Amino acid sequence: MIRVDPILFSNVSTAIQRTANLTGGAVRGLPNGIVIEGLKGINSFHSEMAEAQKEFNQGRVQSSLQRVRQMEMTFNGIAGRWNSTVGSIVTSARQGKNNLSIQKLNEVKNAQAKMQQLTGPVTKTFRDLITALDHAVSNEDDKSDSQHTNDSTPRSDAPASNEPESDSAERQVNVDNATAQREETPDPNLLERFAEKYQYGPRLRVEAGADGKARVRPKIESGQFYFMQGIDPPAVVRVRDVQRQSVIVFDSRRSLEVAIDAGELKRLLREGIWLLRPR
């Protein structure tokens, strides 16, 4: 089994714990008695991460990876709700709906910036740990394949990425069969504010090239907007960076940058990803 440095688990726990308290203290005196402070609902993450590390140490690498991915999604949801609440206060203030003073508005904006400084390391540490675990899972898969050399059918659960590697075109058939679900174009209302300027373009698919390697088509490109059916809730994201093992996207609804690793991208492709095109 490939080694995963134990510090990667503790790095995530430490980064998450720091988000419990907002640097400089809470912001009070806001309309409707709202108080802006650290993230709530993160107390269980320390024990959850300990369980994930325990599973890895026991050789249950896939289970450990899935637990960590679920933790990342849960944390992103918590951070997203925080950003939504604070963002609505700022928007209402700009529209003159909540009689917020300039000084108090600046305090809210500063709180936003401070929380971004706290959640940024969480995103990075989750990315590092998931990448390491994903490599460990792939290493186990490779060992399993080598033990079944008489089986000529490639594994259909290999991770997909923007430029995924594939042993043969046969794997592509399996991927295409899985991706063939939910052919219908999503409801245009799901585009929300993007519906005024964008419309659904082609759905992204995994196709086999002449060299037998599977690739995502149309190719995922930095700067483009995509609608992802498989995130919760479904939303428009903008691709910030395309890396070999992950795609970095900005979720505009939650004002959150998220790293999507190869395994998660494969799942999202099955659920449905559409390129958005200007009207």
C-alpha atoms as a PDB file:
ATOM      1  CA  MET A   1       0.000   0.000   0.000  1.00  0.00           C
ATOM      2  CA  ILE A   2       1.337   3.428  -0.970  1.00  0.00           C
ATOM      3  CA  ARG A   3       2.247   5.583   2.018  1.00  0.00           C
ATOM      4  CA  VAL A   4       0.127   8.595   2.939  1.00  0.00           C
ATOM      5  CA  ASP A   5       1.824  10.952   5.371  1.00  0.00           C
ATOM      6  CA  PRO A   6      -0.223  11.049   8.621  1.00  0.00           C
ATOM      7  CA  ILE A   7       0.360  14.797   8.824  1.00  0.00           C
ATOM      8  CA  LEU A   8      -1.986  15.260   5.847  1.00  0.00           C
ATOM      9  CA  PHE A   9      -4.893  14.126   8.041  1.00  0.00           C
ATOM     10  CA  SER A  10      -3.909  16.363  10.949  1.00  0.00           C
ATOM     11  CA  ASN A  11      -3.372  19.340   8.616  1.00  0.00           C
ATOM     12  CA  VAL A  12      -7.020  19.205   7.578  1.00  0.00           C
ATOM     13  CA  SER A  13      -8.254  18.949  11.170  1.00  0.00           C
ATOM     14  CA  THR A  14      -6.089  21.866  12.264  1.00  0.00           C
ATOM     15  CA  ALA A  15      -7.177  24.066   9.354  1.00  0.00           C
ATOM     16  CA  ILE A  16     -10.852  23.320  10.010  1.00  0.00           C
ATOM     17  CA  GLN A  17     -10.558  24.067  13.736  1.00  0.00           C
ATOM     18  CA  ARG A  18      -9.192  27.524  12.945  1.00  0.00           C
ATOM     19  CA  THR A  19     -12.423  28.441  11.138  1.00  0.00           C
ATOM     20  CA  ALA A  20     -14.406  28.104  14.380  1.00  0.00           C
ATOM     21  CA  ASN A  21     -13.372  31.606  15.459  1.00  0.00           C
ATOM     22  CA  LEU A  22     -13.328  34.640  13.224  1.00  0.00           C
ATOM     23  CA  THR A  23     -10.032  36.516  13.379  1.00  0.00           C
ATOM     24  CA  GLY A  24     -10.578  39.788  15.267  1.00  0.00           C
ATOM     25  CA  GLY A  25     -13.790  38.596  16.885  1.00  0.00           C
ATOM     26  CA  ALA A  26     -17.444  38.456  15.896  1.00  0.00           C
ATOM     27  CA  VAL A  27     -19.291  41.265  14.118  1.00  0.00           C
ATOM     28  CA  ARG A  28     -22.368  42.335  16.083  1.00  0.00           C
ATOM     29  CA  GLY A  29     -24.966  45.079  15.888  1.00  0.00           C
ATOM     30  CA  LEU A  30     -26.324  43.921  12.527  1.00  0.00           C
ATOM     31  CA  PRO A  31     -29.977  44.011  11.374  1.00  0.00           C
ATOM     32  CA  ASN A  32     -32.289  41.298  12.727  1.00  0.00           C
ATOM     33  CA  GLY A  33     -29.795  40.470  15.457  1.00  0.00           C
ATOM     34  CA  ILE A  34     -27.463  38.659  13.047  1.00  0.00           C
ATOM     35  CA  VAL A  35     -23.995  37.950  14.418  1.00  0.00           C
ATOM     36  CA  ILE A  36     -21.132  37.136  12.069  1.00  0.00           C
ATOM     37  CA  GLU A  37     -18.676  34.798  13.728  1.00  0.00           C
ATOM     38  CA  GLY A  38     -16.780  31.593  13.028  1.00  0.00           C
ATOM     39  CA  LEU A  39     -18.217  28.553  11.279  1.00  0.00           C
ATOM     40  CA  LYS A  40     -20.706  26.439  13.195  1.00  0.00           C
ATOM     41  CA  GLY A  41     -21.204  22.690  12.962  1.00  0.00           C
ATOM     42  CA  ILE A  42     -17.557  21.732  12.571  1.00  0.00           C
ATOM     43  CA  ASN A  43     -17.038  20.110  15.974  1.00  0.00           C
ATOM     44  CA  SER A  44     -17.396  16.573  14.631  1.00  0.00           C
ATOM     45  CA  PHE A  45     -14.741  16.951  11.945  1.00  0.00           C
ATOM     46  CA  HIS A  46     -11.843  16.108  14.264  1.00  0.00           C
ATOM     47  CA  SER A  47     -13.291  12.722  15.207  1.00  0.00           C
ATOM     48  CA  GLU A  48     -14.395  12.056  11.616  1.00  0.00           C
ATOM     49  CA  MET A  49     -10.882  12.708  10.367  1.00  0.00           C
ATOM     50  CA  ALA A  50      -9.485  10.401  13.043  1.00  0.00           C
ATOM     51  CA  GLU A  51     -11.818   7.679  11.761  1.00  0.00           C
ATOM     52  CA  ALA A  52     -10.687   8.295   8.179  1.00  0.00           C
ATOM     53  CA  GLN A  53      -7.056   7.950   9.245  1.00  0.00           C
ATOM     54  CA  LYS A  54      -7.887   4.775  11.176  1.00  0.00           C
ATOM     55  CA  GLU A  55      -9.572   3.283   8.107  1.00  0.00           C
ATOM     56  CA  PHE A  56      -6.543   4.059   5.993  1.00  0.00           C
ATOM     57  CA  ASN A  57      -4.204   2.479   8.543  1.00  0.00           C
ATOM     58  CA  GLN A  58      -6.377  -0.644   8.476  1.00  0.00           C
ATOM     59  CA  GLY A  59      -6.005  -0.877   4.710  1.00  0.00           C
ATOM     60  CA  ARG A  60      -9.508   0.348   3.872  1.00  0.00           C
ATOM     61  CA  VAL A  61      -8.192   3.045   1.555  1.00  0.00           C
ATOM     62  CA  GLN A  62     -11.328   3.474  -0.571  1.00  0.00           C
ATOM     63  CA  SER A  63     -13.496   3.835   2.531  1.00  0.00           C
ATOM     64  CA  SER A  64     -11.080   6.414   3.940  1.00  0.00           C
ATOM     65  CA  LEU A  65     -11.135   8.366   0.674  1.00  0.00           C
ATOM     66  CA  GLN A  66     -14.937   8.400   0.520  1.00  0.00           C
ATOM     67  CA  ARG A  67     -15.165   9.578   4.126  1.00  0.00           C
ATOM     68  CA  VAL A  68     -12.754  12.439   3.454  1.00  0.00           C
ATOM     69  CA  ARG A  69     -14.638  13.433   0.311  1.00  0.00           C
ATOM     70  CA  GLN A  70     -17.896  13.510   2.245  1.00  0.00           C
ATOM     71  CA  MET A  71     -16.241  15.657   4.901  1.00  0.00           C
ATOM     72  CA  GLU A  72     -15.049  18.069   2.219  1.00  0.00           C
ATOM     73  CA  MET A  73     -18.564  18.356   0.792  1.00  0.00           C
ATOM     74  CA  THR A  74     -20.024  18.927   4.259  1.00  0.00           C
ATOM     75  CA  PHE A  75     -17.462  21.587   5.088  1.00  0.00           C
ATOM     76  CA  ASN A  76     -18.026  23.326   1.754  1.00  0.00           C
ATOM     77  CA  GLY A  77     -21.746  23.370   2.533  1.00  0.00           C
ATOM     78  CA  ILE A  78     -21.134  24.966   5.941  1.00  0.00           C
ATOM     79  CA  ALA A  79     -18.764  27.545   4.474  1.00  0.00           C
ATOM     80  CA  GLY A  80     -21.158  28.158   1.593  1.00  0.00           C
ATOM     81  CA  ARG A  81     -24.044  28.959   3.931  1.00  0.00           C
ATOM     82  CA  TRP A  82     -21.804  31.336   5.874  1.00  0.00           C
ATOM     83  CA  ASN A  83     -20.819  33.094   2.656  1.00  0.00           C
ATOM     84  CA  SER A  84     -24.449  33.258   1.540  1.00  0.00           C
ATOM     85  CA  THR A  85     -25.561  34.888   4.796  1.00  0.00           C
ATOM     86  CA  VAL A  86     -22.762  37.433   4.817  1.00  0.00           C
ATOM     87  CA  GLY A  87     -23.107  38.084   1.093  1.00  0.00           C
ATOM     88  CA  SER A  88     -26.817  38.841   1.467  1.00  0.00           C
ATOM     89  CA  ILE A  89     -26.022  41.418   4.175  1.00  0.00           C
ATOM     90  CA  VAL A  90     -23.519  43.158   1.908  1.00  0.00           C
ATOM     91  CA  THR A  91     -25.911  43.091  -1.055  1.00  0.00           C
ATOM     92  CA  SER A  92     -28.789  44.477   0.986  1.00  0.00           C
ATOM     93  CA  ALA A  93     -26.544  47.244   2.328  1.00  0.00           C
ATOM     94  CA  ARG A  94     -25.483  48.248  -1.183  1.00  0.00           C
ATOM     95  CA  GLN A  95     -29.124  48.385  -2.214  1.00  0.00           C
ATOM     96  CA  GLY A  96     -29.993  50.463   0.849  1.00  0.00           C
ATOM     97  CA  LYS A  97     -32.350  47.867   2.281  1.00  0.00           C
ATOM     98  CA  ASN A  98     -30.936  47.378   5.771  1.00  0.00           C
ATOM     99  CA  ASN A  99     -29.720  50.835   6.852  1.00  0.00           C
ATOM    100  CA  LEU A 100     -26.229  49.549   7.541  1.00  0.00           C
ATOM    101  CA  SER A 101     -23.636  52.203   8.313  1.00  0.00           C
ATOM    102  CA  ILE A 102     -20.468  52.452   6.247  1.00  0.00           C
ATOM    103  CA  GLN A 103     -18.406  51.476   9.268  1.00  0.00           C
ATOM    104  CA  LYS A 104     -20.487  48.381   9.954  1.00  0.00           C
ATOM    105  CA  LEU A 105     -20.485  47.446   6.263  1.00  0.00           C
ATOM    106  CA  ASN A 106     -16.695  47.616   6.260  1.00  0.00           C
ATOM    107  CA  GLU A 107     -16.642  45.336   9.310  1.00  0.00           C
ATOM    108  CA  VAL A 108     -18.756  42.819   7.419  1.00  0.00           C
ATOM    109  CA  LYS A 109     -16.495  43.008   4.377  1.00  0.00           C
ATOM    110  CA  ASN A 110     -13.449  42.533   6.571  1.00  0.00           C
ATOM    111  CA  ALA A 111     -15.111  39.478   8.096  1.00  0.00           C
ATOM    112  CA  GLN A 112     -15.585  38.082   4.587  1.00  0.00           C
ATOM    113  CA  ALA A 113     -11.910  38.571   3.795  1.00  0.00           C
ATOM    114  CA  LYS A 114     -10.818  37.021   7.086  1.00  0.00           C
ATOM    115  CA  MET A 115     -13.007  33.969   6.563  1.00  0.00           C
ATOM    116  CA  GLN A 116     -11.543  33.492   3.090  1.00  0.00           C
ATOM    117  CA  GLN A 117      -8.104  33.501   4.691  1.00  0.00           C
ATOM    118  CA  LEU A 118      -9.278  30.788   7.083  1.00  0.00           C
ATOM    119  CA  THR A 119     -11.102  28.583   4.565  1.00  0.00           C
ATOM    120  CA  GLY A 120      -8.368  28.808   1.927  1.00  0.00           C
ATOM    121  CA  PRO A 121      -6.002  26.505   3.868  1.00  0.00           C
ATOM    122  CA  VAL A 122      -8.873  24.057   4.447  1.00  0.00           C
ATOM    123  CA  THR A 123      -9.426  23.791   0.697  1.00  0.00           C
ATOM    124  CA  LYS A 124      -5.717  23.198   0.112  1.00  0.00           C
ATOM    125  CA  THR A 125      -5.276  20.617   2.869  1.00  0.00           C
ATOM    126  CA  PHE A 126      -8.354  18.697   1.715  1.00  0.00           C
ATOM    127  CA  ARG A 127      -6.952  18.796  -1.833  1.00  0.00           C
ATOM    128  CA  ASP A 128      -3.577  17.448  -0.694  1.00  0.00           C
ATOM    129  CA  LEU A 129      -5.102  14.626   1.345  1.00  0.00           C
ATOM    130  CA  ILE A 130      -7.619  13.566  -1.300  1.00  0.00           C
ATOM    131  CA  THR A 131      -4.936  13.557  -3.981  1.00  0.00           C
ATOM    132  CA  ALA A 132      -2.702  11.356  -1.812  1.00  0.00           C
ATOM    133  CA  LEU A 133      -5.551   8.955  -1.008  1.00  0.00           C
ATOM    134  CA  ASP A 134      -6.610   8.873  -4.648  1.00  0.00           C
ATOM    135  CA  HIS A 135      -3.071   7.835  -5.588  1.00  0.00           C
ATOM    136  CA  ALA A 136      -3.227   5.128  -2.927  1.00  0.00           C
ATOM    137  CA  VAL A 137      -6.502   3.804  -4.328  1.00  0.00           C
ATOM    138  CA  SER A 138      -5.063   3.823  -7.853  1.00  0.00           C
ATOM    139  CA  ASN A 139      -2.024   1.944  -6.594  1.00  0.00           C
ATOM    140  CA  GLU A 140      -4.298  -0.718  -5.105  1.00  0.00           C
ATOM    141  CA  ASP A 141      -6.215  -0.946  -8.378  1.00  0.00           C
ATOM    142  CA  ASP A 142      -2.979  -1.430 -10.313  1.00  0.00           C
ATOM    143  CA  LYS A 143      -1.965  -4.256  -7.997  1.00  0.00           C
ATOM    144  CA  SER A 144      -5.380  -5.841  -8.394  1.00  0.00           C
ATOM    145  CA  ASP A 145      -5.118  -5.624 -12.184  1.00  0.00           C
ATOM    146  CA  SER A 146      -1.694  -7.249 -12.176  1.00  0.00           C
ATOM    147  CA  GLN A 147      -3.126 -10.200 -10.249  1.00  0.00           C
ATOM    148  CA  HIS A 148      -5.698 -10.818 -12.966  1.00  0.00           C
ATOM    149  CA  THR A 149      -3.625 -10.727 -16.125  1.00  0.00           C
ATOM    150  CA  ASN A 150      -5.902 -13.286 -17.805  1.00  0.00           C
ATOM    151  CA  ASP A 151      -8.767 -10.820 -17.644  1.00  0.00           C
ATOM    152  CA  SER A 152      -8.445  -8.606 -20.723  1.00  0.00           C
ATOM    153  CA  THR A 153     -11.323  -6.299 -19.790  1.00  0.00           C
ATOM    154  CA  PRO A 154     -10.050  -3.007 -18.302  1.00  0.00           C
ATOM    155  CA  ARG A 155     -11.482  -1.791 -15.009  1.00  0.00           C
ATOM    156  CA  SER A 156     -14.494   0.486 -15.563  1.00  0.00           C
ATOM    157  CA  ASP A 157     -14.035   2.384 -12.302  1.00  0.00           C
ATOM    158  CA  ALA A 158     -10.700   4.007 -13.131  1.00  0.00           C
ATOM    159  CA  PRO A 159     -10.612   7.734 -12.304  1.00  0.00           C
ATOM    160  CA  ALA A 160     -11.497  10.186 -15.046  1.00  0.00           C
ATOM    161  CA  SER A 161      -9.834  13.558 -15.415  1.00  0.00           C
ATOM    162  CA  ASN A 162      -9.626  16.236 -18.042  1.00  0.00           C
ATOM    163  CA  GLU A 163      -6.976  14.182 -19.856  1.00  0.00           C
ATOM    164  CA  PRO A 164      -7.453  10.760 -18.209  1.00  0.00           C
ATOM    165  CA  GLU A 165      -5.255   7.827 -19.069  1.00  0.00           C
ATOM    166  CA  SER A 166      -6.880   4.648 -20.339  1.00  0.00           C
ATOM    167  CA  ASP A 167      -5.516   1.191 -20.992  1.00  0.00           C
ATOM    168  CA  SER A 168      -7.655   0.686 -24.087  1.00  0.00           C
ATOM    169  CA  ALA A 169     -10.706   1.890 -25.969  1.00  0.00           C
ATOM    170  CA  GLU A 170     -12.739  -0.815 -24.242  1.00  0.00           C
ATOM    171  CA  ARG A 171     -12.607   1.173 -21.016  1.00  0.00           C
ATOM    172  CA  GLN A 172     -14.166   4.050 -22.904  1.00  0.00           C
ATOM    173  CA  VAL A 173     -17.178   1.915 -23.770  1.00  0.00           C
ATOM    174  CA  ASN A 174     -17.772   1.280 -20.082  1.00  0.00           C
ATOM    175  CA  VAL A 175     -17.388   4.974 -19.250  1.00  0.00           C
ATOM    176  CA  ASP A 176     -19.742   6.016 -22.044  1.00  0.00           C
ATOM    177  CA  ASN A 177     -22.369   3.567 -20.862  1.00  0.00           C
ATOM    178  CA  ALA A 178     -22.196   5.069 -17.371  1.00  0.00           C
ATOM    179  CA  THR A 179     -22.235   8.625 -18.739  1.00  0.00           C
ATOM    180  CA  ALA A 180     -25.276   7.976 -20.891  1.00  0.00           C
ATOM    181  CA  GLN A 181     -27.613   8.763 -18.012  1.00  0.00           C
ATOM    182  CA  ARG A 182     -29.688  11.960 -17.754  1.00  0.00           C
ATOM    183  CA  GLU A 183     -29.489  12.935 -21.398  1.00  0.00           C
ATOM    184  CA  GLU A 184     -31.992  15.732 -21.040  1.00  0.00           C
ATOM    185  CA  THR A 185     -30.845  19.340 -20.868  1.00  0.00           C
ATOM    186  CA  PRO A 186     -31.379  20.746 -17.358  1.00  0.00           C
ATOM    187  CA  ASP A 187     -34.034  23.337 -16.560  1.00  0.00           C
ATOM    188  CA  PRO A 188     -32.805  26.767 -17.781  1.00  0.00           C
ATOM    189  CA  ASN A 189     -34.019  28.274 -14.492  1.00  0.00           C
ATOM    190  CA  LEU A 190     -31.199  26.437 -12.742  1.00  0.00           C
ATOM    191  CA  LEU A 191     -28.785  28.846 -14.412  1.00  0.00           C
ATOM    192  CA  GLU A 192     -30.264  31.608 -12.248  1.00  0.00           C
ATOM    193  CA  ARG A 193     -28.524  34.958 -12.960  1.00  0.00           C
ATOM    194  CA  PHE A 194     -26.397  33.357 -15.689  1.00  0.00           C
ATOM    195  CA  ALA A 195     -29.545  32.629 -17.744  1.00  0.00           C
ATOM    196  CA  GLU A 196     -29.584  36.210 -19.051  1.00  0.00           C
ATOM    197  CA  LYS A 197     -26.249  35.867 -20.839  1.00  0.00           C
ATOM    198  CA  TYR A 198     -25.660  32.123 -21.167  1.00  0.00           C
ATOM    199  CA  GLN A 199     -27.394  29.018 -22.419  1.00  0.00           C
ATOM    200  CA  TYR A 200     -26.607  25.316 -22.274  1.00  0.00           C
ATOM    201  CA  GLY A 201     -24.013  24.155 -24.756  1.00  0.00           C
ATOM    202  CA  PRO A 202     -22.782  20.591 -25.307  1.00  0.00           C
ATOM    203  CA  ARG A 203     -22.694  18.060 -22.524  1.00  0.00           C
ATOM    204  CA  LEU A 204     -19.179  16.931 -21.633  1.00  0.00           C
ATOM    205  CA  ARG A 205     -18.404  13.317 -22.457  1.00  0.00           C
ATOM    206  CA  VAL A 206     -15.491  10.947 -22.238  1.00  0.00           C
ATOM    207  CA  GLU A 207     -14.388   9.795 -25.680  1.00  0.00           C
ATOM    208  CA  ALA A 208     -11.681   7.404 -26.823  1.00  0.00           C
ATOM    209  CA  GLY A 209      -9.031   8.839 -29.137  1.00  0.00           C
ATOM    210  CA  ALA A 210      -7.151   7.072 -31.869  1.00  0.00           C
ATOM    211  CA  ASP A 211      -4.412   6.284 -29.366  1.00  0.00           C
ATOM    212  CA  GLY A 212      -6.866   4.407 -27.150  1.00  0.00           C
ATOM    213  CA  LYS A 213      -6.780   7.026 -24.398  1.00  0.00           C
ATOM    214  CA  ALA A 214      -9.968   8.457 -22.943  1.00  0.00           C
ATOM    215  CA  ARG A 215     -10.388  12.229 -22.934  1.00  0.00           C
ATOM    216  CA  VAL A 216     -13.105  14.650 -21.902  1.00  0.00           C
ATOM    217  CA  ARG A 217     -14.757  16.345 -24.868  1.00  0.00           C
ATOM    218  CA  PRO A 218     -15.283  19.244 -25.216  1.00  0.00           C
ATOM    219  CA  LYS A 219     -12.011  19.792 -23.399  1.00  0.00           C
ATOM    220  CA  ILE A 220     -12.344  21.487 -20.017  1.00  0.00           C
ATOM    221  CA  GLU A 221     -10.705  24.908 -20.248  1.00  0.00           C
ATOM    222  CA  SER A 222      -9.770  27.585 -17.743  1.00  0.00           C
ATOM    223  CA  GLY A 223     -12.043  30.631 -17.751  1.00  0.00           C
ATOM    224  CA  GLN A 224     -15.084  28.776 -19.084  1.00  0.00           C
ATOM    225  CA  PHE A 225     -18.422  28.487 -17.274  1.00  0.00           C
ATOM    226  CA  TYR A 226     -19.986  25.061 -16.752  1.00  0.00           C
ATOM    227  CA  PHE A 227     -23.230  23.835 -15.218  1.00  0.00           C
ATOM    228  CA  MET A 228     -22.687  20.858 -12.900  1.00  0.00           C
ATOM    229  CA  GLN A 229     -25.729  18.729 -12.170  1.00  0.00           C
ATOM    230  CA  GLY A 230     -23.952  16.597  -9.573  1.00  0.00           C
ATOM    231  CA  ILE A 231     -23.001  19.230  -6.993  1.00  0.00           C
ATOM    232  CA  ASP A 232     -25.389  20.073  -4.182  1.00  0.00           C
ATOM    233  CA  PRO A 233     -27.246  22.128  -5.115  1.00  0.00           C
ATOM    234  CA  PRO A 234     -26.645  22.008  -8.912  1.00  0.00           C
ATOM    235  CA  ALA A 235     -24.983  25.249  -9.973  1.00  0.00           C
ATOM    236  CA  VAL A 236     -22.801  27.134 -12.427  1.00  0.00           C
ATOM    237  CA  VAL A 237     -19.060  27.071 -11.791  1.00  0.00           C
ATOM    238  CA  ARG A 238     -16.153  28.749 -13.498  1.00  0.00           C
ATOM    239  CA  VAL A 239     -12.987  26.761 -14.105  1.00  0.00           C
ATOM    240  CA  ARG A 240     -10.000  28.527 -12.578  1.00  0.00           C
ATOM    241  CA  ASP A 241      -7.269  26.000 -13.361  1.00  0.00           C
ATOM    242  CA  VAL A 242      -6.917  22.603 -15.019  1.00  0.00           C
ATOM    243  CA  GLN A 243      -4.248  20.421 -13.461  1.00  0.00           C
ATOM    244  CA  ARG A 244      -3.134  16.879 -14.194  1.00  0.00           C
ATOM    245  CA  GLN A 245      -4.953  15.334 -11.241  1.00  0.00           C
ATOM    246  CA  SER A 246      -7.630  17.921 -10.501  1.00  0.00           C
ATOM    247  CA  VAL A 247      -9.744  20.787 -11.787  1.00  0.00           C
ATOM    248  CA  ILE A 248     -10.021  23.957  -9.687  1.00  0.00           C
ATOM    249  CA  VAL A 249     -13.413  25.649  -9.967  1.00  0.00           C
ATOM    250  CA  PHE A 250     -15.070  28.672  -8.405  1.00  0.00           C
ATOM    251  CA  ASP A 251     -18.616  28.059  -7.197  1.00  0.00           C
ATOM    252  CA  SER A 252     -20.251  31.453  -7.703  1.00  0.00           C
ATOM    253  CA  ARG A 253     -23.309  30.646  -5.607  1.00  0.00           C
ATOM    254  CA  ARG A 254     -21.245  29.860  -2.511  1.00  0.00           C
ATOM    255  CA  SER A 255     -18.333  32.163  -3.377  1.00  0.00           C
ATOM    256  CA  LEU A 256     -16.044  29.211  -2.802  1.00  0.00           C
ATOM    257  CA  GLU A 257     -13.082  27.749  -4.676  1.00  0.00           C
ATOM    258  CA  VAL A 258     -13.164  23.949  -4.844  1.00  0.00           C
ATOM    259  CA  ALA A 259     -10.707  21.350  -6.118  1.00  0.00           C
ATOM    260  CA  ILE A 260     -12.307  18.458  -8.019  1.00  0.00           C
ATOM    261  CA  ASP A 261     -10.056  15.424  -8.168  1.00  0.00           C
ATOM    262  CA  ALA A 262     -10.138  12.746 -10.876  1.00  0.00           C
ATOM    263  CA  GLY A 263     -12.505  10.432  -9.027  1.00  0.00           C
ATOM    264  CA  GLU A 264     -14.990  13.200  -8.235  1.00  0.00           C
ATOM    265  CA  LEU A 265     -14.813  14.496 -11.807  1.00  0.00           C
ATOM    266  CA  LYS A 266     -15.737  11.042 -13.058  1.00  0.00           C
ATOM    267  CA  ARG A 267     -18.845  11.082 -10.852  1.00  0.00           C
ATOM    268  CA  LEU A 268     -19.809  14.591 -11.958  1.00  0.00           C
ATOM    269  CA  LEU A 269     -19.479  13.581 -15.600  1.00  0.00           C
ATOM    270  CA  ARG A 270     -21.924  10.746 -14.989  1.00  0.00           C
ATOM    271  CA  GLU A 271     -24.362  13.162 -13.349  1.00  0.00           C
ATOM    272  CA  GLY A 272     -23.938  15.702 -16.138  1.00  0.00           C
ATOM    273  CA  ILE A 273     -21.688  18.672 -16.907  1.00  0.00           C
ATOM    274  CA  TRP A 274     -22.680  21.178 -19.593  1.00  0.00           C
ATOM    275  CA  LEU A 275     -20.515  23.864 -21.164  1.00  0.00           C
ATOM    276  CA  LEU A 276     -22.276  27.244 -21.118  1.00  0.00           C
ATOM    277  CA  ARG A 277     -22.261  29.374 -24.245  1.00  0.00           C
ATOM    278  CA  PRO A 278     -23.032  33.095 -24.588  1.00  0.00           C
ATOM    279  CA  ARG A 279     -26.459  33.872 -25.999  1.00  0.00           C
END
